[in-house]
Protein backbone atom coordinates (compact mmCIF):
# COMPACT_ATOMS: atom_id res chain seq x y z
CA MET A 1 108.50 102.14 80.96
CA GLU A 2 109.95 101.83 77.45
CA ILE A 3 113.52 103.02 76.95
CA GLU A 4 112.34 105.67 74.44
CA MET A 5 110.17 107.21 77.16
CA LEU A 6 112.81 106.90 79.89
CA ILE A 7 115.45 108.91 78.06
CA LYS A 8 113.01 111.83 77.76
CA GLN A 9 112.55 111.98 81.54
CA PRO A 10 114.64 114.22 83.82
CA GLU A 11 116.99 112.63 86.33
CA SER A 12 115.20 111.82 89.57
CA LYS A 13 115.26 109.78 92.74
CA THR A 14 114.98 106.60 90.64
CA LEU A 15 116.60 107.55 87.32
CA GLU A 16 120.13 108.60 86.32
CA PHE A 17 122.02 108.94 83.03
CA LYS A 18 125.75 108.42 82.44
CA ARG A 19 127.54 109.33 79.22
CA ASP A 20 129.96 106.41 79.52
CA LEU A 21 131.84 104.13 81.92
CA SER A 22 135.15 106.00 81.80
CA SER A 23 134.82 106.34 85.58
CA LEU A 24 133.15 103.45 87.41
CA LEU A 25 133.15 105.08 90.85
CA PRO A 26 130.11 107.39 90.39
CA VAL A 27 128.17 104.53 88.78
CA LEU A 28 128.93 102.21 91.70
CA LYS A 29 127.90 104.86 94.22
CA THR A 30 124.61 105.40 92.39
CA ILE A 31 123.95 101.65 92.36
CA ILE A 32 124.53 101.58 96.13
CA ALA A 33 122.26 104.61 96.62
CA PHE A 34 119.46 103.08 94.54
CA ALA A 35 119.68 99.75 96.40
CA ASN A 36 119.55 101.50 99.78
CA THR A 37 116.77 103.95 98.93
CA ALA A 38 113.99 102.97 96.52
CA GLY A 39 115.60 101.18 93.60
CA GLY A 40 116.20 102.82 90.24
CA ILE A 41 117.51 102.66 86.68
CA ILE A 42 120.85 103.88 85.33
CA ILE A 43 121.19 104.34 81.57
CA ILE A 44 124.78 104.31 80.32
CA GLY A 45 125.39 105.91 76.93
CA CYS A 46 122.93 108.76 77.28
CA SER A 47 123.21 112.34 78.53
CA PRO A 48 120.23 114.41 79.65
CA PRO A 49 118.08 115.59 78.03
CA GLY A 50 117.85 112.50 75.83
CA ILE A 51 121.15 112.87 73.98
CA ILE A 52 122.26 109.38 72.94
CA THR A 53 126.02 108.89 72.78
CA GLY A 54 126.13 105.10 72.95
CA VAL A 55 128.63 102.73 74.57
CA GLN A 56 131.59 101.33 72.63
CA ASN A 57 132.45 97.63 73.10
CA ILE A 58 129.18 97.16 74.93
CA PHE A 59 129.65 93.53 76.05
CA LYS A 60 133.19 94.15 77.27
CA GLU A 61 131.94 97.16 79.26
CA GLU A 62 129.05 95.12 80.65
CA GLU A 63 131.47 92.48 81.94
CA ARG A 64 133.79 95.13 83.40
CA LEU A 65 130.88 96.70 85.28
CA ALA A 66 129.58 93.34 86.54
CA ASN A 67 133.02 92.49 87.95
CA ALA A 68 133.31 95.91 89.60
CA ILE A 69 129.91 95.49 91.27
CA ALA A 70 130.90 92.08 92.65
CA ASP A 71 134.29 93.33 93.88
CA SER A 72 133.27 96.74 95.23
CA ILE A 73 129.84 96.49 96.90
CA HIS A 74 128.95 94.75 100.15
CA PRO A 75 126.71 92.90 100.91
CA PHE A 76 126.56 91.09 97.58
CA LEU A 77 124.30 92.88 95.12
CA LEU A 78 123.08 91.59 91.76
CA PRO A 79 121.37 94.28 89.64
CA GLU A 80 119.97 93.45 86.21
CA LEU A 81 122.22 94.45 83.31
CA GLU A 82 120.57 94.78 79.91
CA VAL A 83 121.73 95.93 76.49
CA ALA A 84 119.44 98.04 74.30
CA THR A 85 119.97 99.62 70.89
CA LEU A 86 118.50 103.00 70.02
CA GLU A 87 119.30 105.13 66.99
CA GLU A 88 121.82 102.43 66.02
CA LYS A 89 123.76 103.04 69.25
CA ASP A 90 124.20 100.62 72.15
CA LEU A 91 122.97 101.50 75.64
CA LEU A 92 123.69 99.65 78.89
CA ILE A 93 120.68 99.58 81.22
CA ILE A 94 121.26 98.90 84.94
CA LYS A 95 118.10 98.03 86.90
CA VAL A 96 118.61 98.14 90.66
CA ALA A 97 115.96 96.86 93.06
CA HIS A 98 115.59 98.13 96.62
CA TRP A 99 117.03 95.63 99.11
CA LYS A 100 117.47 95.64 102.84
CA GLY A 101 121.09 96.54 103.40
CA PRO A 102 122.67 98.81 104.17
CA PHE A 103 124.92 98.41 101.14
CA TYR A 104 128.25 100.18 101.09
CA PHE A 105 131.38 100.75 98.99
CA LYS A 106 134.01 98.31 100.26
CA LYS A 107 136.99 100.64 99.86
CA GLU A 108 135.34 103.26 102.06
CA GLY A 109 133.81 100.80 104.51
CA MET A 110 131.02 101.41 107.01
CA PRO A 111 129.65 104.00 107.63
CA LYS A 112 131.50 106.25 105.16
CA GLY A 113 130.74 104.07 102.15
CA VAL A 114 126.94 104.03 102.59
CA TYR A 115 125.12 106.13 99.99
CA VAL A 116 121.47 107.08 99.61
CA ARG A 117 119.47 108.88 96.97
CA LEU A 118 118.30 112.40 97.79
CA GLY A 119 116.40 113.87 94.88
CA SER A 120 118.49 113.33 91.75
CA THR A 121 121.82 113.00 93.57
CA SER A 122 123.62 110.18 95.39
CA ARG A 123 125.03 111.29 98.73
CA PRO A 124 126.75 109.73 101.74
CA ALA A 125 124.20 108.71 104.34
CA GLY A 126 124.50 110.40 107.71
CA ALA A 127 124.31 108.54 111.00
CA GLU A 128 120.53 109.05 111.28
CA LEU A 129 119.83 107.57 107.83
CA ILE A 130 122.17 104.63 108.45
CA SER A 131 120.32 103.92 111.70
CA GLU A 132 117.02 103.95 109.81
CA LEU A 133 118.45 101.57 107.20
CA GLN A 134 119.56 99.20 109.95
CA ARG A 135 116.14 99.38 111.63
CA SER A 136 114.44 98.55 108.34
CA VAL A 137 116.43 95.29 108.20
CA LEU A 138 115.03 94.39 111.62
CA SER A 139 111.51 95.59 110.64
CA LEU A 140 111.72 97.96 113.61
CA SER A 141 110.53 101.55 113.33
CA PHE A 142 112.23 104.40 115.19
CA ASP A 143 109.22 105.06 117.40
CA GLN A 144 109.02 101.42 118.60
CA GLN A 145 112.32 101.66 120.46
CA PRO A 146 112.23 101.72 124.29
CA LEU A 147 113.35 104.62 126.45
CA PRO A 148 115.01 102.68 129.30
CA ASP A 149 115.82 105.77 131.39
CA LEU A 150 112.13 106.69 131.68
CA THR A 151 109.16 105.14 133.49
CA LYS A 152 105.48 105.04 132.64
CA GLU A 153 105.07 108.09 134.91
CA SER A 154 106.90 110.04 132.18
CA LEU A 155 103.63 109.75 130.25
CA ASP A 156 100.55 111.82 131.03
CA LEU A 157 98.41 108.81 131.97
CA GLU A 158 95.41 110.98 132.83
CA LYS A 159 95.51 112.59 129.39
CA ILE A 160 95.76 109.16 127.75
CA GLU A 161 92.63 108.02 129.58
CA GLN A 162 90.73 111.20 128.66
CA ILE A 163 91.63 111.01 124.98
CA PHE A 164 90.65 107.36 124.60
CA LYS A 165 87.49 107.83 126.67
CA SER A 166 86.43 110.71 124.42
CA ARG A 167 86.57 108.25 121.51
CA GLY A 168 84.58 105.62 123.39
CA LYS A 169 87.68 103.47 123.93
CA GLU A 170 88.82 101.73 127.08
CA ILE A 171 92.51 101.93 127.94
CA ASN A 172 94.53 99.80 130.37
CA LYS A 173 98.05 98.45 130.74
CA ASP A 174 97.48 95.62 128.26
CA LYS A 175 96.11 98.07 125.68
CA LEU A 176 99.07 100.41 126.20
CA GLN A 177 101.35 97.46 125.44
CA SER A 178 99.43 96.25 122.42
CA LEU A 179 99.56 99.75 120.92
CA GLY A 180 103.29 99.97 121.66
CA ILE A 181 102.95 103.00 123.94
CA LEU A 182 104.63 100.96 126.69
CA VAL A 183 107.22 98.31 125.79
CA PRO A 184 109.10 95.74 127.88
CA HIS A 185 112.72 96.41 128.78
CA ALA A 186 114.76 94.53 131.40
CA ARG A 187 111.63 93.15 133.09
CA ASN A 188 110.06 96.60 133.28
CA LEU A 189 107.53 98.46 131.16
CA VAL A 190 108.95 101.73 129.82
CA PRO A 191 107.64 104.27 127.31
CA SER A 192 108.46 103.78 123.66
CA ILE A 193 109.70 106.74 121.64
CA GLY A 194 106.29 106.92 119.95
CA GLY A 195 104.54 106.75 123.31
CA LEU A 196 106.54 109.72 124.60
CA ILE A 197 106.01 111.76 121.42
CA LEU A 198 102.25 111.16 121.66
CA PHE A 199 101.63 111.38 125.39
CA GLY A 200 104.81 112.57 127.10
CA ARG A 201 104.72 115.07 129.94
CA PRO A 202 105.97 118.46 128.68
CA SER A 203 109.26 118.38 130.63
CA GLU A 204 110.16 114.86 129.48
CA LEU A 205 109.16 115.54 125.88
CA GLN A 206 111.14 118.77 125.73
CA GLN A 207 114.23 117.07 127.12
CA SER A 208 114.13 113.97 124.92
CA PHE A 209 112.51 115.17 121.67
CA PRO A 210 112.41 118.98 121.49
CA ASP A 211 111.79 118.81 117.74
CA ALA A 212 108.56 116.80 118.06
CA ARG A 213 106.61 119.98 117.46
CA VAL A 214 104.83 122.09 114.85
CA SER A 215 105.56 125.72 113.93
CA CYS A 216 103.01 127.78 112.01
CA GLY A 217 103.51 131.17 110.38
CA ARG A 218 101.39 133.60 108.38
CA PHE A 219 103.67 135.72 106.22
CA ILE A 220 103.08 138.98 104.36
CA GLY A 221 103.66 138.49 100.65
CA ASN A 222 105.09 135.37 99.04
CA ASN A 223 108.26 134.83 101.09
CA LYS A 224 109.27 134.62 104.75
CA ALA A 225 110.74 138.11 105.07
CA ASN A 226 107.85 139.50 107.13
CA ILE A 227 105.74 137.45 109.53
CA LEU A 228 102.23 138.53 110.47
CA ASP A 229 101.15 135.81 112.89
CA ARG A 230 102.78 132.75 114.39
CA TYR A 231 101.86 129.72 116.46
CA GLU A 232 104.06 127.19 118.24
CA LEU A 233 102.41 123.93 119.24
CA GLU A 234 101.86 123.65 122.97
CA GLY A 235 101.43 119.99 123.83
CA THR A 236 102.01 116.85 121.80
CA ILE A 237 101.44 116.11 118.14
CA LEU A 238 97.92 114.87 118.96
CA ASP A 239 97.03 118.43 120.03
CA ALA A 240 98.16 119.68 116.61
CA VAL A 241 95.28 117.86 114.89
CA GLU A 242 92.87 120.44 116.34
CA SER A 243 95.03 123.50 117.01
CA VAL A 244 96.78 123.81 113.63
CA PRO A 245 93.54 123.93 111.56
CA LYS A 246 92.32 126.70 113.90
CA PHE A 247 95.46 128.72 113.17
CA ILE A 248 94.96 128.18 109.44
CA ALA A 249 91.28 129.19 109.66
CA ARG A 250 92.06 132.48 111.42
CA ASN A 251 94.77 133.36 108.89
CA THR A 252 92.95 132.54 105.66
CA ARG A 253 89.94 133.98 103.89
CA LEU A 254 86.37 132.92 103.22
CA ALA A 255 84.56 133.65 99.97
CA ALA A 256 80.76 133.77 99.75
CA GLN A 257 78.74 131.90 97.14
CA ILE A 258 74.96 132.41 96.99
CA GLU A 259 72.98 129.28 96.15
CA GLY A 260 69.30 130.19 95.93
CA ILE A 261 68.47 131.87 99.23
CA ARG A 262 71.40 130.28 101.04
CA ARG A 263 74.93 131.55 101.46
CA LYS A 264 77.79 129.06 101.17
CA ASP A 265 81.21 129.92 102.58
CA ILE A 266 84.20 128.77 100.52
CA PRO A 267 87.45 128.45 102.52
CA GLU A 268 90.61 129.73 100.88
CA TYR A 269 92.12 126.24 101.19
CA PRO A 270 90.42 122.80 101.22
CA ARG A 271 89.85 121.88 104.85
CA VAL A 272 89.56 118.09 104.54
CA ALA A 273 92.64 117.94 102.30
CA ILE A 274 94.63 120.14 104.71
CA ARG A 275 93.68 117.86 107.60
CA GLU A 276 94.73 114.75 105.67
CA VAL A 277 98.12 116.23 104.77
CA LEU A 278 98.66 117.48 108.32
CA ILE A 279 97.93 114.02 109.76
CA ASN A 280 100.20 112.46 107.15
CA ALA A 281 103.00 114.83 108.21
CA LEU A 282 102.49 114.07 111.92
CA VAL A 283 102.43 110.30 111.39
CA HIS A 284 105.23 110.00 108.82
CA ASN A 285 107.58 112.70 110.11
CA ASP A 286 111.14 111.47 110.74
CA TYR A 287 111.48 112.20 114.45
CA SER A 288 115.05 110.87 114.48
CA ILE A 289 116.30 113.97 112.63
CA LYS A 290 117.63 116.56 115.06
CA GLY A 291 117.17 120.27 114.49
CA ALA A 292 114.20 119.96 112.12
CA HIS A 293 110.46 119.95 112.77
CA ILE A 294 107.10 120.18 110.98
CA GLN A 295 106.38 123.62 109.53
CA ILE A 296 103.17 125.20 108.23
CA ALA A 297 103.68 128.37 106.19
CA ILE A 298 100.85 130.53 104.82
CA PHE A 299 101.72 133.07 102.13
CA ASP A 300 99.54 135.36 100.03
CA ASN A 301 99.60 132.88 97.14
CA ARG A 302 100.00 129.43 98.75
CA LEU A 303 100.01 127.26 101.86
CA GLU A 304 102.86 124.82 102.55
CA ILE A 305 103.03 121.85 104.91
CA GLN A 306 106.55 120.44 105.26
CA ASN A 307 107.87 117.62 107.41
CA PRO A 308 111.46 116.39 107.88
CA GLY A 309 112.40 113.05 106.38
CA MET A 310 112.66 111.63 102.90
CA LEU A 311 110.07 109.04 101.91
CA PRO A 312 110.59 105.68 103.67
CA PHE A 313 113.22 103.43 102.09
CA GLY A 314 111.77 101.38 99.24
CA PHE A 315 108.95 103.90 98.74
CA THR A 316 108.47 106.43 95.94
CA MET A 317 106.11 109.32 95.20
CA GLU A 318 104.45 107.10 92.61
CA ASP A 319 103.72 104.54 95.35
CA LEU A 320 102.15 107.27 97.48
CA LYS A 321 99.86 108.39 94.66
CA ALA A 322 98.90 104.78 93.90
CA GLY A 323 97.66 104.26 97.47
CA VAL A 324 100.52 102.01 98.56
CA SER A 325 101.11 102.29 102.31
CA ARG A 326 104.51 102.30 103.99
CA VAL A 327 104.47 103.31 107.66
CA ARG A 328 107.54 105.02 109.12
CA ASN A 329 106.27 105.32 112.72
CA ARG A 330 104.26 102.24 113.65
CA VAL A 331 103.31 103.25 117.18
CA ILE A 332 102.14 106.71 116.14
CA ALA A 333 100.24 105.33 113.14
CA ARG A 334 98.60 102.63 115.27
CA VAL A 335 97.40 105.17 117.85
CA PHE A 336 96.10 107.59 115.20
CA HIS A 337 94.22 104.68 113.63
CA GLU A 338 92.85 103.55 116.99
CA LEU A 339 91.61 107.09 117.71
CA GLN A 340 89.95 107.18 114.27
CA LEU A 341 92.16 110.04 113.11
CA MET A 342 93.33 107.85 110.23
CA GLU A 343 91.09 105.58 108.20
CA VAL A 344 92.13 102.90 105.72
CA TRP A 345 95.91 102.66 105.27
CA GLY A 346 97.11 104.45 102.14
CA SER A 347 93.82 106.29 101.51
CA GLY A 348 94.90 109.78 102.65
CA TYR A 349 96.27 110.91 99.27
CA LYS A 350 93.09 109.81 97.52
CA ARG A 351 90.85 111.65 100.02
CA CYS A 352 93.00 114.76 99.72
CA MET A 353 92.74 114.82 95.93
CA GLU A 354 89.01 114.05 96.00
CA ASP A 355 88.34 116.94 98.40
CA CYS A 356 90.21 119.31 96.09
CA ARG A 357 88.30 118.06 93.06
CA LEU A 358 84.87 118.37 94.70
CA GLY A 359 85.65 121.85 96.05
CA ASP A 360 87.05 123.07 92.71
CA TYR A 361 90.55 123.61 94.12
CA LEU A 362 93.75 123.07 92.17
CA ALA A 363 95.44 119.77 93.01
CA PRO A 364 98.22 120.26 95.60
CA GLU A 365 101.85 119.74 94.62
CA TRP A 366 103.77 116.97 96.43
CA LEU A 367 107.55 117.28 96.40
CA GLU A 368 110.37 115.31 97.98
CA LEU A 369 113.03 117.92 98.71
CA GLY A 370 116.05 115.87 99.69
CA ALA A 371 115.47 115.08 103.35
CA ALA A 372 112.00 116.64 103.56
CA VAL A 373 108.54 116.30 102.01
CA ARG A 374 106.53 119.42 101.16
CA VAL A 375 102.91 119.70 100.04
CA THR A 376 101.83 123.03 98.52
CA PHE A 377 98.21 124.15 98.21
CA SER A 378 96.94 126.95 95.96
CA PRO A 379 94.06 129.20 97.11
CA HIS A 380 90.55 128.84 95.74
CA GLN A 381 89.98 131.19 92.83
CA ARG A 382 86.91 132.78 94.45
CA THR A 383 88.89 133.89 97.51
CA GLN A 384 91.21 135.92 95.28
CA THR A 385 88.48 138.30 94.09
CA LYS A 386 88.18 141.52 96.05
CA ASP A 387 84.88 142.34 97.76
CA PRO A 388 85.05 145.82 99.34
CA GLN A 389 81.80 145.30 101.26
CA PRO A 390 82.31 142.69 104.00
CA PRO A 391 79.20 140.58 104.69
CA GLN A 392 77.30 141.57 107.84
CA GLU A 393 77.61 137.99 109.07
CA VAL A 394 81.37 138.48 109.25
CA LEU A 395 81.01 141.65 111.32
CA HIS A 396 78.61 139.95 113.74
CA GLU A 397 81.21 137.23 114.39
CA LEU A 398 83.82 139.73 115.62
CA LEU A 399 84.58 140.33 119.29
CA GLU A 400 83.98 143.84 120.65
CA ARG A 401 87.72 144.56 120.85
CA GLN A 402 88.07 143.56 117.18
CA LYS A 403 85.20 145.87 116.22
CA THR A 404 86.92 148.65 118.17
CA LEU A 405 90.13 147.97 116.26
CA LEU A 406 88.27 148.05 112.93
CA SER A 407 86.60 151.36 113.85
CA LEU A 408 90.01 153.08 113.81
CA PHE A 409 90.06 152.82 110.03
CA GLN A 410 88.30 154.91 107.41
CA PRO A 411 88.91 154.97 103.64
CA GLY A 412 92.38 156.39 103.05
CA VAL A 413 93.57 155.90 106.65
CA GLN A 414 96.84 153.97 107.05
CA LEU A 415 98.20 153.03 110.48
CA SER A 416 101.35 151.24 111.59
CA PHE A 417 101.28 148.55 114.25
CA ARG A 418 102.69 150.97 116.85
CA GLU A 419 100.13 153.64 115.96
CA ILE A 420 97.30 151.14 116.35
CA PHE A 421 98.73 149.94 119.66
CA LYS A 422 98.84 153.50 121.02
CA LEU A 423 95.36 154.41 119.74
CA LEU A 424 94.00 151.45 121.65
CA SER A 425 95.72 152.92 124.74
CA GLU A 426 97.85 149.78 124.93
CA SER A 427 94.81 148.06 126.45
CA ILE A 428 95.62 144.66 124.97
CA PRO A 429 98.89 142.69 124.75
CA GLU A 430 100.88 143.01 121.53
CA ARG A 431 100.40 139.30 120.87
CA THR A 432 96.61 139.70 121.03
CA LEU A 433 96.74 142.68 118.68
CA ARG A 434 98.77 140.67 116.17
CA TYR A 435 96.18 137.89 116.41
CA ASP A 436 93.32 140.36 115.80
CA LEU A 437 95.07 141.96 112.82
CA ALA A 438 95.64 138.51 111.31
CA LEU A 439 91.99 137.61 111.85
CA LEU A 440 90.72 140.86 110.28
CA ARG A 441 93.05 140.29 107.37
CA GLY A 442 91.72 136.76 106.92
CA ARG A 443 88.16 138.14 106.92
CA GLN A 444 89.10 140.60 104.15
CA LEU A 445 88.51 143.60 106.40
CA LEU A 446 92.07 144.92 106.76
CA VAL A 447 95.16 144.47 104.61
CA PRO A 448 98.88 145.20 105.28
CA LYS A 449 100.91 147.32 102.89
CA GLY A 450 104.70 147.60 102.76
CA LYS A 451 107.42 145.53 104.44
CA GLY A 452 109.15 145.32 107.80
CA ARG A 453 108.86 148.38 110.03
CA ALA A 454 107.35 150.31 107.13
CA THR A 455 104.26 148.07 107.13
CA VAL A 456 100.97 149.95 107.52
CA TRP A 457 97.39 148.70 107.72
CA GLN A 458 94.37 149.93 105.79
CA LEU A 459 90.85 148.87 104.88
CA PHE A 460 90.63 146.02 102.39
CA GLN A 461 89.55 147.32 99.00
């Protein structure tokens, strides 16, 4: 990109501006962060947004910086230093490529002196990120590592056989090894981390990787103050491929479009695109991060899918959109591919965008939020129009208990959750009632009003 265009851009994961070189320390830390993360460009003599201040004694400053890089960064790093002139002022351009390090600031040593790029800031890398950097040097992904304290009986071998058989695939010990589900360790075959995350028995998975899970929530309004329905994944991440879309379907609306004599249902959110993003989150989630897990949040005005972990080192959002593939979890990706849950490497983004285009949905927004990636979908315009007369087909699809629940309401009637529960003579569990209310809301039959304990339900109008 030309320098004139660069200075108009905001600071980002791969771009930073510095007014001058009066302090070399922040510049050196940014160089280290760029080299460790995804490369980048530093422009000295420019302040955002596009204010050119220039660098005095440009060649002397270039030499001073080159010496500081050689003396202060380990392992040896050689970024490109260029001089450019704009508006009759000199700029020093530092182009840093991504290299396998980890690189660190000598005075601070390892691990304190290791920096990475999170968004538009350079920050010290924590132990988990340093471990990932070190694995990248060895071309070893986190999920390929053995679990020496476990045995193959820690895996649900019967479930493995059933899943592969359902896809017309044979599975045996050799296949388990070739996929990396079992790996050799001290003359024994033990589960890999990826193998346990995919097929671990519940007790073993909960003990070793309690955050290898998915949480889903349907919230009232546009924030997380009031939750209407929730779902916690029971099983492994493979189960999420089917169970999460079901949760989304029951908590989102359908619009009707008449084409000739046929009725076409339009989902509130693009189903193929949602599935692609969900699979991407499951496969590329950073399972080494403790205390964070995949989250699906449905609001009145959007749906968000968020997974822990910045993009893999050496990989940018532009690479993702261009179809470049960089796999974080090789075992998990290999199994998803073998089970035909993933197609051609790097094609998920393209399929997602194509599904949105064909269905007349707005393109989703992809954001790297520090140590997480979030994809946000907007609802289809047709699902936002109010239709006070629900189609008879929708009513026929309801269970008898849901029809009984709906019969409690007449125009102008407002009932709280507790009032509904008592009117039904407490004949169903509270959890089931919450599920039914969420379903009736998604079908545009009932709607909540108010917040917290003051929330009441009424007919959708």
